Amino acid sequence: VASRSIFSMYGAGWYRQALGKQRELVAG
């Protein structure tokens, strides 16, 4: 949940970061 309306304006993404690894996109 975002505190204001951003996803309709800028799109939305899910990212993940495993231990010792860089953050990566999993869905956008």
PDB file of all heavy atoms in Angstrom:
ATOM      1  N   VAL A   1       0.846  -1.186   0.000  1.00  0.00           N
ATOM      2  CA  VAL A   1       0.000   0.000   0.000  1.00  0.00           C
ATOM      3  C   VAL A   1       0.885   1.242   0.000  1.00  0.00           C
ATOM      4  O   VAL A   1       1.828   1.347   0.796  1.00  0.00           O
ATOM      5  CB  VAL A   1      -0.924   0.019   1.230  1.00  0.00           C
ATOM      6  CG1 VAL A   1      -1.808   1.274   1.204  1.00  0.00           C
ATOM      7  CG2 VAL A   1      -1.791  -1.234   1.273  1.00  0.00           C
ATOM      8  N   ALA A   2       0.568   2.161  -0.881  1.00  0.00           N
ATOM      9  CA  ALA A   2       1.278   3.441  -0.950  1.00  0.00           C
ATOM     10  C   ALA A   2       0.460   4.519  -0.245  1.00  0.00           C
ATOM     11  O   ALA A   2      -0.775   4.463  -0.237  1.00  0.00           O
ATOM     12  CB  ALA A   2       1.531   3.835  -2.394  1.00  0.00           C
ATOM     13  N   SER A   3       1.152   5.483   0.323  1.00  0.00           N
ATOM     14  CA  SER A   3       0.466   6.538   1.075  1.00  0.00           C
ATOM     15  C   SER A   3      -0.239   7.541   0.177  1.00  0.00           C
ATOM     16  O   SER A   3      -1.051   8.332   0.655  1.00  0.00           O
ATOM     17  CB  SER A   3       1.465   7.260   1.984  1.00  0.00           C
ATOM     18  OG  SER A   3       2.533   7.797   1.217  1.00  0.00           O
ATOM     19  N   ARG A   4       0.077   7.509  -1.093  1.00  0.00           N
ATOM     20  CA  ARG A   4      -0.660   8.343  -2.040  1.00  0.00           C
ATOM     21  C   ARG A   4      -0.654   7.665  -3.396  1.00  0.00           C
ATOM     22  O   ARG A   4       0.013   6.647  -3.592  1.00  0.00           O
ATOM     23  CB  ARG A   4      -0.061   9.746  -2.110  1.00  0.00           C
ATOM     24  CG  ARG A   4       1.410   9.824  -2.461  1.00  0.00           C
ATOM     25  CD  ARG A   4       1.906  11.259  -2.412  1.00  0.00           C
ATOM     26  NE  ARG A   4       3.339  11.372  -2.662  1.00  0.00           N
ATOM     27  CZ  ARG A   4       3.867  11.481  -3.869  1.00  0.00           C
ATOM     28  NH1 ARG A   4       3.104  11.492  -4.939  1.00  0.00           N
ATOM     29  NH2 ARG A   4       5.178  11.594  -4.009  1.00  0.00           N
ATOM     30  N   SER A   5      -1.387   8.225  -4.326  1.00  0.00           N
ATOM     31  CA  SER A   5      -1.587   7.606  -5.627  1.00  0.00           C
ATOM     32  C   SER A   5      -0.358   7.780  -6.501  1.00  0.00           C
ATOM     33  O   SER A   5      -0.129   8.838  -7.071  1.00  0.00           O
ATOM     34  CB  SER A   5      -2.809   8.228  -6.297  1.00  0.00           C
ATOM     35  OG  SER A   5      -3.008   7.665  -7.563  1.00  0.00           O
ATOM     36  N   ILE A   6       0.441   6.713  -6.579  1.00  0.00           N
ATOM     37  CA  ILE A   6       1.640   6.789  -7.402  1.00  0.00           C
ATOM     38  C   ILE A   6       1.649   5.732  -8.500  1.00  0.00           C
ATOM     39  O   ILE A   6       2.231   5.922  -9.562  1.00  0.00           O
ATOM     40  CB  ILE A   6       2.925   6.623  -6.550  1.00  0.00           C
ATOM     41  CG1 ILE A   6       2.892   5.311  -5.749  1.00  0.00           C
ATOM     42  CG2 ILE A   6       3.111   7.824  -5.638  1.00  0.00           C
ATOM     43  CD1 ILE A   6       4.212   4.999  -5.072  1.00  0.00           C
ATOM     44  N   PHE A   7       1.032   4.593  -8.235  1.00  0.00           N
ATOM     45  CA  PHE A   7       1.123   3.493  -9.184  1.00  0.00           C
ATOM     46  C   PHE A   7       0.396   3.796 -10.488  1.00  0.00           C
ATOM     47  O   PHE A   7       0.859   3.402 -11.562  1.00  0.00           O
ATOM     48  CB  PHE A   7       0.597   2.206  -8.553  1.00  0.00           C
ATOM     49  CG  PHE A   7       1.337   1.788  -7.315  1.00  0.00           C
ATOM     50  CD1 PHE A   7       0.655   1.445  -6.158  1.00  0.00           C
ATOM     51  CD2 PHE A   7       2.723   1.749  -7.296  1.00  0.00           C
ATOM     52  CE1 PHE A   7       1.332   1.065  -5.012  1.00  0.00           C
ATOM     53  CE2 PHE A   7       3.420   1.382  -6.155  1.00  0.00           C
ATOM     54  CZ  PHE A   7       2.713   1.037  -5.007  1.00  0.00           C
ATOM     55  N   SER A   8      -0.700   4.509 -10.408  1.00  0.00           N
ATOM     56  CA  SER A   8      -1.419   4.848 -11.638  1.00  0.00           C
ATOM     57  C   SER A   8      -0.647   5.871 -12.450  1.00  0.00           C
ATOM     58  O   SER A   8      -0.808   5.951 -13.671  1.00  0.00           O
ATOM     59  CB  SER A   8      -2.815   5.368 -11.304  1.00  0.00           C
ATOM     60  OG  SER A   8      -2.727   6.533 -10.499  1.00  0.00           O
ATOM     61  N   MET A   9       0.201   6.645 -11.782  1.00  0.00           N
ATOM     62  CA  MET A   9       0.957   7.685 -12.469  1.00  0.00           C
ATOM     63  C   MET A   9       2.281   7.172 -13.009  1.00  0.00           C
ATOM     64  O   MET A   9       2.723   7.588 -14.091  1.00  0.00           O
ATOM     65  CB  MET A   9       1.215   8.839 -11.504  1.00  0.00           C
ATOM     66  CG  MET A   9      -0.026   9.563 -11.036  1.00  0.00           C
ATOM     67  SD  MET A   9       0.335  10.817  -9.801  1.00  0.00           S
ATOM     68  CE  MET A   9       1.398  11.918 -10.738  1.00  0.00           C
ATOM     69  N   TYR A  10       2.915   6.269 -12.245  1.00  0.00           N
ATOM     70  CA  TYR A  10       4.301   5.881 -12.571  1.00  0.00           C
ATOM     71  C   TYR A  10       4.497   4.399 -12.817  1.00  0.00           C
ATOM     72  O   TYR A  10       5.628   3.961 -13.053  1.00  0.00           O
ATOM     73  CB  TYR A  10       5.228   6.316 -11.443  1.00  0.00           C
ATOM     74  CG  TYR A  10       5.189   7.805 -11.172  1.00  0.00           C
ATOM     75  CD1 TYR A  10       4.624   8.296  -9.992  1.00  0.00           C
ATOM     76  CD2 TYR A  10       5.695   8.710 -12.087  1.00  0.00           C
ATOM     77  CE1 TYR A  10       4.573   9.654  -9.741  1.00  0.00           C
ATOM     78  CE2 TYR A  10       5.654  10.075 -11.840  1.00  0.00           C
ATOM     79  CZ  TYR A  10       5.088  10.537 -10.672  1.00  0.00           C
ATOM     80  OH  TYR A  10       5.041  11.876 -10.427  1.00  0.00           O
ATOM     81  N   GLY A  11       3.440   3.624 -12.747  1.00  0.00           N
ATOM     82  CA  GLY A  11       3.595   2.186 -12.842  1.00  0.00           C
ATOM     83  C   GLY A  11       3.978   1.603 -11.495  1.00  0.00           C
ATOM     84  O   GLY A  11       4.201   2.333 -10.518  1.00  0.00           O
ATOM     85  N   ALA A  12       4.060   0.295 -11.416  1.00  0.00           N
ATOM     86  CA  ALA A  12       4.335  -0.382 -10.151  1.00  0.00           C
ATOM     87  C   ALA A  12       5.262  -1.559 -10.387  1.00  0.00           C
ATOM     88  O   ALA A  12       5.182  -2.221 -11.430  1.00  0.00           O
ATOM     89  CB  ALA A  12       3.040  -0.862  -9.506  1.00  0.00           C
ATOM     90  N   GLY A  13       6.088  -1.828  -9.411  1.00  0.00           N
ATOM     91  CA  GLY A  13       7.006  -2.949  -9.537  1.00  0.00           C
ATOM     92  C   GLY A  13       7.233  -3.643  -8.219  1.00  0.00           C
ATOM     93  O   GLY A  13       7.112  -3.027  -7.156  1.00  0.00           O
ATOM     94  N   TRP A  14       7.518  -4.909  -8.306  1.00  0.00           N
ATOM     95  CA  TRP A  14       7.978  -5.692  -7.161  1.00  0.00           C
ATOM     96  C   TRP A  14       9.439  -6.068  -7.406  1.00  0.00           C
ATOM     97  O   TRP A  14       9.804  -6.462  -8.524  1.00  0.00           O
ATOM     98  CB  TRP A  14       7.138  -6.954  -6.971  1.00  0.00           C
ATOM     99  CG  TRP A  14       5.834  -6.709  -6.292  1.00  0.00           C
ATOM    100  CD1 TRP A  14       4.614  -6.533  -6.879  1.00  0.00           C
ATOM    101  CD2 TRP A  14       5.618  -6.604  -4.878  1.00  0.00           C
ATOM    102  NE1 TRP A  14       3.653  -6.326  -5.919  1.00  0.00           N
ATOM    103  CE2 TRP A  14       4.244  -6.373  -4.680  1.00  0.00           C
ATOM    104  CE3 TRP A  14       6.444  -6.693  -3.762  1.00  0.00           C
ATOM    105  CZ2 TRP A  14       3.668  -6.217  -3.416  1.00  0.00           C
ATOM    106  CZ3 TRP A  14       5.886  -6.541  -2.500  1.00  0.00           C
ATOM    107  CH2 TRP A  14       4.508  -6.305  -2.335  1.00  0.00           C
ATOM    108  N   TYR A  15      10.212  -5.965  -6.367  1.00  0.00           N
ATOM    109  CA  TYR A  15      11.636  -6.222  -6.437  1.00  0.00           C
ATOM    110  C   TYR A  15      11.998  -7.118  -5.254  1.00  0.00           C
ATOM    111  O   TYR A  15      11.297  -7.151  -4.254  1.00  0.00           O
ATOM    112  CB  TYR A  15      12.414  -4.906  -6.342  1.00  0.00           C
ATOM    113  CG  TYR A  15      11.936  -3.872  -7.342  1.00  0.00           C
ATOM    114  CD1 TYR A  15      10.812  -3.084  -7.082  1.00  0.00           C
ATOM    115  CD2 TYR A  15      12.591  -3.695  -8.553  1.00  0.00           C
ATOM    116  CE1 TYR A  15      10.352  -2.160  -8.000  1.00  0.00           C
ATOM    117  CE2 TYR A  15      12.143  -2.764  -9.476  1.00  0.00           C
ATOM    118  CZ  TYR A  15      11.021  -2.003  -9.193  1.00  0.00           C
ATOM    119  OH  TYR A  15      10.563  -1.090 -10.110  1.00  0.00           O
ATOM    120  N   ARG A  16      13.099  -7.814  -5.375  1.00  0.00           N
ATOM    121  CA  ARG A  16      13.535  -8.644  -4.260  1.00  0.00           C
ATOM    122  C   ARG A  16      15.038  -8.567  -4.114  1.00  0.00           C
ATOM    123  O   ARG A  16      15.765  -8.293  -5.068  1.00  0.00           O
ATOM    124  CB  ARG A  16      13.089 -10.092  -4.456  1.00  0.00           C
ATOM    125  CG  ARG A  16      13.785 -10.845  -5.576  1.00  0.00           C
ATOM    126  CD  ARG A  16      13.177 -12.221  -5.737  1.00  0.00           C
ATOM    127  NE  ARG A  16      13.807 -12.970  -6.827  1.00  0.00           N
ATOM    128  CZ  ARG A  16      13.353 -14.116  -7.306  1.00  0.00           C
ATOM    129  NH1 ARG A  16      12.257 -14.678  -6.768  1.00  0.00           N
ATOM    130  NH2 ARG A  16      13.982 -14.733  -8.288  1.00  0.00           N
ATOM    131  N   GLN A  17      15.455  -8.824  -2.885  1.00  0.00           N
ATOM    132  CA  GLN A  17      16.883  -8.841  -2.590  1.00  0.00           C
ATOM    133  C   GLN A  17      17.178 -10.032  -1.693  1.00  0.00           C
ATOM    134  O   GLN A  17      16.729 -10.071  -0.539  1.00  0.00           O
ATOM    135  CB  GLN A  17      17.334  -7.543  -1.930  1.00  0.00           C
ATOM    136  CG  GLN A  17      18.834  -7.449  -1.750  1.00  0.00           C
ATOM    137  CD  GLN A  17      19.283  -6.058  -1.369  1.00  0.00           C
ATOM    138  OE1 GLN A  17      18.525  -5.245  -0.863  1.00  0.00           O
ATOM    139  NE2 GLN A  17      20.553  -5.768  -1.626  1.00  0.00           N
ATOM    140  N   ALA A  18      17.903 -10.982  -2.232  1.00  0.00           N
ATOM    141  CA  ALA A  18      18.332 -12.130  -1.449  1.00  0.00           C
ATOM    142  C   ALA A  18      19.602 -11.767  -0.699  1.00  0.00           C
ATOM    143  O   ALA A  18      20.324 -10.837  -1.078  1.00  0.00           O
ATOM    144  CB  ALA A  18      18.560 -13.326  -2.362  1.00  0.00           C
ATOM    145  N   LEU A  19      19.876 -12.512   0.337  1.00  0.00           N
ATOM    146  CA  LEU A  19      21.046 -12.244   1.167  1.00  0.00           C
ATOM    147  C   LEU A  19      22.315 -12.283   0.325  1.00  0.00           C
ATOM    148  O   LEU A  19      22.577 -13.252  -0.398  1.00  0.00           O
ATOM    149  CB  LEU A  19      21.118 -13.285   2.281  1.00  0.00           C
ATOM    150  CG  LEU A  19      21.967 -12.926   3.495  1.00  0.00           C
ATOM    151  CD1 LEU A  19      21.409 -11.694   4.183  1.00  0.00           C
ATOM    152  CD2 LEU A  19      22.005 -14.101   4.464  1.00  0.00           C
ATOM    153  N   GLY A  20      23.065 -11.192   0.367  1.00  0.00           N
ATOM    154  CA  GLY A  20      24.324 -11.137  -0.357  1.00  0.00           C
ATOM    155  C   GLY A  20      24.210 -10.835  -1.832  1.00  0.00           C
ATOM    156  O   GLY A  20      25.217 -10.875  -2.551  1.00  0.00           O
ATOM    157  N   LYS A  21      23.003 -10.547  -2.278  1.00  0.00           N
ATOM    158  CA  LYS A  21      22.803 -10.272  -3.702  1.00  0.00           C
ATOM    159  C   LYS A  21      22.208  -8.880  -3.908  1.00  0.00           C
ATOM    160  O   LYS A  21      21.694  -8.268  -2.982  1.00  0.00           O
ATOM    161  CB  LYS A  21      21.890 -11.327  -4.319  1.00  0.00           C
ATOM    162  CG  LYS A  21      22.488 -12.722  -4.322  1.00  0.00           C
ATOM    163  CD  LYS A  21      21.620 -13.692  -5.103  1.00  0.00           C
ATOM    164  CE  LYS A  21      22.247 -15.066  -5.160  1.00  0.00           C
ATOM    165  NZ  LYS A  21      21.427 -16.015  -5.959  1.00  0.00           N
ATOM    166  N   GLN A  22      22.274  -8.418  -5.136  1.00  0.00           N
ATOM    167  CA  GLN A  22      21.693  -7.119  -5.462  1.00  0.00           C
ATOM    168  C   GLN A  22      20.181  -7.236  -5.602  1.00  0.00           C
ATOM    169  O   GLN A  22      19.639  -8.302  -5.917  1.00  0.00           O
ATOM    170  CB  GLN A  22      22.295  -6.598  -6.769  1.00  0.00           C
ATOM    171  CG  GLN A  22      23.740  -6.156  -6.645  1.00  0.00           C
ATOM    172  CD  GLN A  22      24.227  -5.433  -7.888  1.00  0.00           C
ATOM    173  OE1 GLN A  22      23.735  -5.666  -8.985  1.00  0.00           O
ATOM    174  NE2 GLN A  22      25.178  -4.539  -7.710  1.00  0.00           N
ATOM    175  N   ARG A  23      19.516  -6.132  -5.377  1.00  0.00           N
ATOM    176  CA  ARG A  23      18.074  -6.088  -5.572  1.00  0.00           C
ATOM    177  C   ARG A  23      17.760  -6.253  -7.060  1.00  0.00           C
ATOM    178  O   ARG A  23      18.454  -5.707  -7.914  1.00  0.00           O
ATOM    179  CB  ARG A  23      17.528  -4.754  -5.056  1.00  0.00           C
ATOM    180  CG  ARG A  23      16.028  -4.675  -4.956  1.00  0.00           C
ATOM    181  CD  ARG A  23      15.639  -3.379  -4.246  1.00  0.00           C
ATOM    182  NE  ARG A  23      15.974  -3.432  -2.832  1.00  0.00           N
ATOM    183  CZ  ARG A  23      16.026  -2.341  -2.055  1.00  0.00           C
ATOM    184  NH1 ARG A  23      15.793  -1.157  -2.563  1.00  0.00           N
ATOM    185  NH2 ARG A  23      16.321  -2.468  -0.776  1.00  0.00           N
ATOM    186  N   GLU A  24      16.708  -7.027  -7.340  1.00  0.00           N
ATOM    187  CA  GLU A  24      16.339  -7.291  -8.726  1.00  0.00           C
ATOM    188  C   GLU A  24      14.839  -7.156  -8.911  1.00  0.00           C
ATOM    189  O   GLU A  24      14.060  -7.361  -7.995  1.00  0.00           O
ATOM    190  CB  GLU A  24      16.774  -8.706  -9.142  1.00  0.00           C
ATOM    191  CG  GLU A  24      16.109  -9.816  -8.342  1.00  0.00           C
ATOM    192  CD  GLU A  24      16.492 -11.206  -8.831  1.00  0.00           C
ATOM    193  OE1 GLU A  24      17.219 -11.323  -9.834  1.00  0.00           O
ATOM    194  OE2 GLU A  24      16.041 -12.189  -8.207  1.00  0.00           O
ATOM    195  N   LEU A  25      14.462  -6.851 -10.133  1.00  0.00           N
ATOM    196  CA  LEU A  25      13.045  -6.759 -10.492  1.00  0.00           C
ATOM    197  C   LEU A  25      12.461  -8.162 -10.592  1.00  0.00           C
ATOM    198  O   LEU A  25      13.067  -9.048 -11.188  1.00  0.00           O
ATOM    199  CB  LEU A  25      12.894  -6.048 -11.825  1.00  0.00           C
ATOM    200  CG  LEU A  25      11.503  -6.023 -12.431  1.00  0.00           C
ATOM    201  CD1 LEU A  25      10.620  -5.022 -11.671  1.00  0.00           C
ATOM    202  CD2 LEU A  25      11.557  -5.655 -13.915  1.00  0.00           C
ATOM    203  N   VAL A  26      11.262  -8.353 -10.034  1.00  0.00           N
ATOM    204  CA  VAL A  26      10.553  -9.616 -10.252  1.00  0.00           C
ATOM    205  C   VAL A  26       9.259  -9.426 -11.013  1.00  0.00           C
ATOM    206  O   VAL A  26       8.717 -10.381 -11.567  1.00  0.00           O
ATOM    207  CB  VAL A  26      10.273 -10.375  -8.934  1.00  0.00           C
ATOM    208  CG1 VAL A  26      11.573 -10.853  -8.311  1.00  0.00           C
ATOM    209  CG2 VAL A  26       9.489  -9.540  -7.947  1.00  0.00           C
ATOM    210  N   ALA A  27       8.733  -8.223 -11.020  1.00  0.00           N
ATOM    211  CA  ALA A  27       7.516  -7.957 -11.797  1.00  0.00           C
ATOM    212  C   ALA A  27       7.328  -6.455 -11.901  1.00  0.00           C
ATOM    213  O   ALA A  27       7.484  -5.746 -10.910  1.00  0.00           O
ATOM    214  CB  ALA A  27       6.293  -8.577 -11.140  1.00  0.00           C
ATOM    215  N   GLY A  28       7.003  -5.999 -13.085  1.00  0.00           N
ATOM    216  CA  GLY A  28       6.758  -4.579 -13.267  1.00  0.00           C
ATOM    217  C   GLY A  28       5.579  -4.369 -14.187  1.00  0.00           C
ATOM    218  O   GLY A  28       5.386  -5.126 -15.142  1.00  0.00           O
TER     219      GLY A  28
END
